[in-house]
Structures are given as C-alpha cells and as structure tokens.
Amino acid sequence: MNADWSPLRRELALWRAHRLTLPLWWRDDDAIAATSALEQLSRLSDDLGLPIHLAVIPDAVENSLRDAVCTQSVFIPIIHGWAHRNTAPIGAKKSEFDHQRSGSKAELEQALTKMLSVFDTRLVRVFVPPWNRLHSSNLQILSDVGYQMVSAFQPRRTAMAAPGLLQVNTHLDPIDWHGTRDLLDPDQIIATAVELLKTRRVGRADNSEPFGYLTHHLVHTSPIWDFSRAFLNELLEGVAKPTSLASVLKEIE
C-alpha cells in the first residue's frame, strides 16, 4: 500500500496549532459470529488502544460472538437492524428501515430485546440502520421503544435525531463498494479525510460529534487492514482522542 500521508499530517498540525482535539470512534458492521477476521479486528483494536463498536445483526447473532464480546473488552456491541434484510420497494436503494411498512416497530423492539438478552449490560443502545438508510418516521419509534442513539453515515445535521435519541454518525469508509470492493485509492481517502477535518477545524461542521471510522471486518483484504491501521494510527498520534458511545451518552445524562 502506497499512501502520501503529508496532506493529513499538515491538517493535523493545524489542529495542534489551534489546540483542537478530535473525538474519534470506530464502528464495524455486520458482525454475526466469532471468526478469524474478528480476532484480527480485536488485535488491531488492542494495538491502537481504540475500542470497536461492533454493529451486530440481532436475528443472526451466534453464541460464539456473545462469548467473544463478553471476554474481550475492546468490543462494544450495538444493534445493526433486525435481520439486515432488504425490504425496499422495487427500484429503491437497498434498505431495511428506510420506508414506512407494517412490522417495523415490532422488529425494532424485537432487535433491542434480543440484543439485551445476548449481551446484557455490555450492550449500548445504539441503532445502526442497514445500508445506513433510515426513514424519518422510525426515529421517534426508536426513542419510544428504548434506543438512546442512532448512527448512520456522513456528518449529522443535528445532535438530536428525535427527542431522547442522540445521533452520532460515521464519516469515512475505506472500501470501494461500487467498484473493486477492495481498498479505495489511499490518496483519495486521505483527501476526503482532510476535507472532513478542515470543515470541523474552521467551524463548518460539528466537532462535538465524534469522528467515525467505518469498517466491515468480514470483507477486509490485506490492503484494507493495512490502511486502517496506518490511518487510525496517524489520527491517534496527531490529535484524536479515543471515544466510546457509552461515554458520550453519559455526558448528556
């Protein structure tokens, strides 16, 4: 993997000059079971000192994942839809909860109940909609049935998605989903990261929203693993402060 880190380092130097700190969190989607890839994810998290918010699919979760999460403190389980099943109308982009349909509320309740039964107090009540798409009609439902936070993709427009429901999104995904399904061009990822950081530094984006790095360990190739390690290390050695969503929720209680 060849990458030019100098643009990112220059931006981080500006952050230091302005005495700014970047709250950083890590979300990894589609967890179901303990695998060799999950073990690799755990080692990377431990090496970096950055916890992983593991977005687990409730309807498919296996006991092996429960055991891995409960024995490894690097993992913070959160809720990834119900079955990660595409229920979108024909012609619409893939989604599970990005449209109004009967049964949505029951599935959202079922997902929370199932995850509490599996992970108990380790669970943080964060809802991650599959494909990062969520219809606005489901926001108040999430709050009403007991979720505390929702997480999708791109900078949030407002801190509260609905009364009682905080929003903390992810902002950078290194995978070329619409092309090779391998690592995007590293210089392109770095350029995107620099622009996202600049908008925070100059006050055009909300730096109180933790900056979210999004991964999918089950489909990682060696370049994706290598870039993720290098990129997160650059942030952590620069101005980033490891952040957990549980601590974010405690701050607003």
Protein backbone atom coordinates (compact mmCIF):
# COMPACT_ATOMS: atom_id res chain seq x y z
CA MET A 1 0.00 0.00 0.00
CA ASN A 2 1.45 3.34 -1.07
CA ALA A 3 -0.03 6.45 0.50
CA ASP A 4 1.02 10.07 0.80
CA TRP A 5 0.28 11.00 4.40
CA SER A 6 1.65 14.54 4.14
CA PRO A 7 -1.75 16.26 3.49
CA LEU A 8 -3.23 14.62 6.57
CA ARG A 9 -0.18 15.45 8.68
CA ARG A 10 -0.36 19.08 7.62
CA GLU A 11 -4.02 19.25 8.60
CA LEU A 12 -3.35 17.61 11.95
CA ALA A 13 -0.55 20.12 12.55
CA LEU A 14 -3.08 22.92 12.07
CA TRP A 15 -5.33 21.25 14.62
CA ARG A 16 -2.48 21.18 17.11
CA ALA A 17 -1.70 24.81 16.38
CA HIS A 18 -5.31 25.69 17.21
CA ARG A 19 -5.23 23.40 20.27
CA LEU A 20 -8.08 21.30 18.94
CA THR A 21 -8.86 17.69 19.80
CA LEU A 22 -10.67 15.22 17.57
CA PRO A 23 -13.03 12.79 19.34
CA LEU A 24 -12.62 9.51 17.43
CA TRP A 25 -14.76 6.39 17.40
CA TRP A 26 -14.70 3.18 15.38
CA ARG A 27 -17.73 1.25 14.10
CA ASP A 28 -17.54 -2.14 12.41
CA ASP A 29 -20.69 -3.54 10.78
CA ASP A 30 -22.33 -6.91 10.07
CA ALA A 31 -20.99 -8.99 12.96
CA ILE A 32 -22.67 -12.36 13.48
CA ALA A 33 -20.14 -14.86 14.83
CA ALA A 34 -16.59 -15.23 16.09
CA THR A 35 -14.25 -15.63 13.12
CA SER A 36 -10.56 -15.29 12.34
CA ALA A 37 -11.35 -11.84 10.92
CA LEU A 38 -12.94 -10.86 14.23
CA GLU A 39 -9.79 -11.98 16.02
CA GLN A 40 -7.73 -9.81 13.69
CA LEU A 41 -10.05 -6.90 14.39
CA SER A 42 -9.61 -7.41 18.11
CA ARG A 43 -5.81 -7.43 17.83
CA LEU A 44 -5.82 -4.24 15.80
CA SER A 45 -8.11 -2.53 18.28
CA ASP A 46 -5.90 -3.58 21.16
CA ASP A 47 -2.75 -2.39 19.37
CA LEU A 48 -4.29 1.02 18.68
CA GLY A 49 -5.99 1.44 22.03
CA LEU A 50 -9.23 2.25 20.23
CA PRO A 51 -12.41 0.32 21.13
CA ILE A 52 -14.63 -1.11 18.41
CA HIS A 53 -18.37 -0.58 18.34
CA LEU A 54 -19.46 -3.88 16.86
CA ALA A 55 -22.73 -3.49 14.95
CA VAL A 56 -24.35 -6.91 15.40
CA ILE A 57 -27.24 -8.31 13.33
CA PRO A 58 -29.72 -9.44 16.02
CA ASP A 59 -31.64 -12.09 14.07
CA ALA A 60 -28.43 -13.89 13.08
CA VAL A 61 -26.20 -13.48 16.14
CA GLU A 62 -24.48 -16.67 17.31
CA ASN A 63 -23.31 -17.72 20.75
CA SER A 64 -19.68 -17.60 19.62
CA LEU A 65 -19.97 -13.85 19.10
CA ARG A 66 -21.54 -13.38 22.51
CA ASP A 67 -18.63 -15.25 24.07
CA ALA A 68 -16.05 -13.21 22.13
CA VAL A 69 -17.65 -9.91 23.09
CA CYS A 70 -18.06 -10.85 26.73
CA THR A 71 -14.43 -11.92 27.09
CA GLN A 72 -12.78 -9.09 25.12
CA SER A 73 -13.16 -5.58 26.44
CA VAL A 74 -12.27 -3.98 23.08
CA PHE A 75 -15.74 -4.82 21.74
CA ILE A 76 -18.78 -2.63 22.40
CA PRO A 77 -21.91 -4.31 20.98
CA ILE A 78 -24.53 -2.14 19.27
CA ILE A 79 -27.58 -3.03 17.13
CA HIS A 80 -27.49 -3.40 13.35
CA GLY A 81 -31.08 -3.54 12.09
CA TRP A 82 -33.06 -6.69 12.74
CA ALA A 83 -32.18 -9.24 10.02
CA HIS A 84 -30.22 -6.99 7.63
CA ARG A 85 -32.80 -7.92 5.01
CA ASN A 86 -33.62 -5.72 2.05
CA THR A 87 -37.27 -4.73 2.35
CA ALA A 88 -37.14 -1.75 0.00
CA PRO A 89 -39.74 -1.35 -2.75
CA ILE A 90 -38.69 -2.45 -6.22
CA GLY A 91 -36.43 0.14 -7.78
CA ALA A 92 -35.43 1.77 -4.47
CA LYS A 93 -31.99 1.57 -2.90
CA LYS A 94 -31.43 -1.31 -0.51
CA SER A 95 -32.71 -0.76 2.99
CA GLU A 96 -34.46 -2.46 5.88
CA PHE A 97 -36.00 0.54 7.63
CA ASP A 98 -35.87 3.35 5.08
CA HIS A 99 -39.57 3.30 4.26
CA GLN A 100 -42.84 3.00 6.13
CA ARG A 101 -44.10 -0.56 6.43
CA SER A 102 -46.11 -2.63 8.84
CA GLY A 103 -43.96 -4.60 11.22
CA SER A 104 -41.14 -2.06 11.51
CA LYS A 105 -41.89 -1.14 15.11
CA ALA A 106 -42.20 -4.77 16.16
CA GLU A 107 -38.86 -5.61 14.56
CA LEU A 108 -37.14 -2.64 16.20
CA GLU A 109 -38.48 -3.74 19.59
CA GLN A 110 -37.52 -7.34 18.89
CA ALA A 111 -34.00 -6.35 17.91
CA LEU A 112 -33.44 -4.48 21.19
CA THR A 113 -34.94 -7.27 23.28
CA LYS A 114 -32.82 -9.92 21.54
CA MET A 115 -29.59 -7.97 21.92
CA LEU A 116 -30.23 -7.27 25.61
CA SER A 117 -30.78 -10.98 26.16
CA VAL A 118 -27.48 -11.79 24.44
CA PHE A 119 -25.19 -9.03 25.72
CA ASP A 120 -26.99 -7.73 28.81
CA THR A 121 -25.21 -4.70 30.31
CA ARG A 122 -22.43 -4.77 27.68
CA LEU A 123 -24.94 -3.55 25.10
CA VAL A 124 -25.06 0.13 24.24
CA ARG A 125 -28.50 1.04 22.88
CA VAL A 126 -27.35 2.39 19.52
CA PHE A 127 -29.27 1.58 16.35
CA VAL A 128 -27.31 1.27 13.10
CA PRO A 129 -29.67 1.01 10.09
CA PRO A 130 -28.54 -1.48 7.43
CA TRP A 131 -27.07 0.30 4.41
CA ASN A 132 -27.07 3.45 6.62
CA ARG A 133 -30.60 4.29 5.47
CA LEU A 134 -33.41 5.09 7.87
CA HIS A 135 -36.82 6.65 7.26
CA SER A 136 -37.56 9.66 9.46
CA SER A 137 -40.78 8.03 10.67
CA ASN A 138 -38.69 5.45 12.54
CA LEU A 139 -36.70 7.97 14.59
CA GLN A 140 -39.33 8.62 17.23
CA ILE A 141 -40.18 4.90 17.28
CA LEU A 142 -36.57 4.12 18.15
CA SER A 143 -36.68 6.56 21.05
CA ASP A 144 -40.06 5.33 22.23
CA VAL A 145 -39.05 1.66 22.38
CA GLY A 146 -35.81 2.29 24.29
CA TYR A 147 -32.94 3.15 21.95
CA GLN A 148 -30.69 6.01 23.02
CA MET A 149 -28.76 6.74 19.85
CA VAL A 150 -28.82 6.26 16.08
CA SER A 151 -25.78 6.03 13.82
CA ALA A 152 -25.69 6.27 10.03
CA PHE A 153 -23.15 7.86 7.65
CA GLN A 154 -21.98 11.42 6.86
CA PRO A 155 -21.89 14.42 9.22
CA ARG A 156 -25.04 14.80 11.26
CA ARG A 157 -27.37 17.73 10.68
CA THR A 158 -28.42 17.94 14.29
CA ALA A 159 -27.27 16.34 17.54
CA MET A 160 -30.74 15.01 18.41
CA ALA A 161 -32.41 12.91 15.74
CA ALA A 162 -35.61 12.88 17.82
CA PRO A 163 -36.46 13.70 21.44
CA GLY A 164 -34.39 11.33 23.54
CA LEU A 165 -32.43 10.00 20.55
CA LEU A 166 -28.88 11.25 20.00
CA GLN A 167 -27.24 10.98 16.57
CA VAL A 168 -23.57 10.11 16.11
CA ASN A 169 -22.63 9.05 12.58
CA THR A 170 -19.62 7.59 10.85
CA HIS A 171 -17.79 9.68 8.28
CA LEU A 172 -15.15 7.67 6.44
CA ASP A 173 -15.33 4.20 4.85
CA PRO A 174 -12.18 2.86 3.12
CA ILE A 175 -13.94 0.28 0.93
CA ASP A 176 -14.72 0.76 -2.78
CA TRP A 177 -18.23 -0.70 -2.56
CA HIS A 178 -19.27 0.31 -6.07
CA GLY A 179 -16.09 -0.84 -7.78
CA THR A 180 -13.41 -3.29 -6.75
CA ARG A 181 -14.82 -3.89 -3.24
CA ASP A 182 -11.22 -3.56 -2.14
CA LEU A 183 -9.43 -0.51 -0.73
CA LEU A 184 -10.28 2.81 -2.34
CA ASP A 185 -7.31 4.77 -3.66
CA PRO A 186 -5.49 5.67 -0.41
CA ASP A 187 -4.74 9.22 -1.55
CA GLN A 188 -8.46 9.69 -2.28
CA ILE A 189 -9.37 8.51 1.23
CA ILE A 190 -6.78 10.81 2.75
CA ALA A 191 -8.05 13.77 0.70
CA THR A 192 -11.60 13.08 1.88
CA ALA A 193 -10.43 12.84 5.48
CA VAL A 194 -8.53 16.13 5.21
CA GLU A 195 -11.60 17.90 3.85
CA LEU A 196 -13.78 16.48 6.62
CA LEU A 197 -11.29 17.57 9.25
CA LYS A 198 -10.89 21.01 7.73
CA THR A 199 -14.64 21.67 7.86
CA ARG A 200 -14.53 20.87 11.56
CA ARG A 201 -11.47 22.99 12.20
CA VAL A 202 -12.96 26.09 10.58
CA GLY A 203 -16.35 25.61 12.23
CA ARG A 204 -18.42 24.49 9.25
CA ALA A 205 -19.11 21.10 10.86
CA ASP A 206 -19.86 19.96 14.39
CA ASN A 207 -16.64 18.79 16.04
CA SER A 208 -18.58 17.73 19.12
CA GLU A 209 -19.82 14.81 17.01
CA PRO A 210 -17.17 12.08 17.37
CA PHE A 211 -15.46 11.40 14.05
CA GLY A 212 -16.45 7.90 12.98
CA TYR A 213 -14.33 5.41 11.03
CA LEU A 214 -16.43 2.64 9.46
CA THR A 215 -15.16 -0.86 8.66
CA HIS A 216 -16.57 -4.28 7.73
CA HIS A 217 -14.14 -6.89 9.05
CA LEU A 218 -15.76 -9.82 7.25
CA VAL A 219 -14.77 -8.49 3.81
CA HIS A 220 -11.40 -6.91 4.57
CA THR A 221 -8.46 -7.57 2.29
CA SER A 222 -4.84 -7.06 3.34
CA PRO A 223 -4.75 -3.51 1.89
CA ILE A 224 -7.86 -2.56 3.88
CA TRP A 225 -6.36 -3.91 7.10
CA ASP A 226 -3.05 -2.17 6.43
CA PHE A 227 -4.62 1.17 5.57
CA SER A 228 -6.95 1.08 8.58
CA ARG A 229 -4.05 0.51 10.94
CA ALA A 230 -1.96 3.26 9.38
CA PHE A 231 -4.78 5.80 9.10
CA LEU A 232 -6.10 5.36 12.63
CA ASN A 233 -2.56 5.49 13.97
CA GLU A 234 -1.97 8.80 12.16
CA LEU A 235 -5.06 10.27 13.81
CA LEU A 236 -4.23 8.93 17.25
CA GLU A 237 -0.65 10.16 17.10
CA GLY A 238 -1.95 13.51 15.91
CA VAL A 239 -4.96 14.97 17.72
CA ALA A 240 -7.51 12.16 18.10
CA LYS A 241 -8.94 11.10 21.44
CA PRO A 242 -10.42 7.56 21.60
CA THR A 243 -14.13 7.85 22.32
CA SER A 244 -16.85 5.36 23.22
CA LEU A 245 -20.53 5.99 22.57
CA ALA A 246 -21.30 4.84 26.10
CA SER A 247 -19.24 7.75 27.44
CA VAL A 248 -20.97 10.14 25.02
CA LEU A 249 -24.35 9.07 26.38
CA LYS A 250 -23.19 9.50 29.96
CA GLU A 251 -22.11 13.07 29.22
CA ILE A 252 -25.65 14.08 28.25
CA GLU A 253 -27.47 12.29 31.08
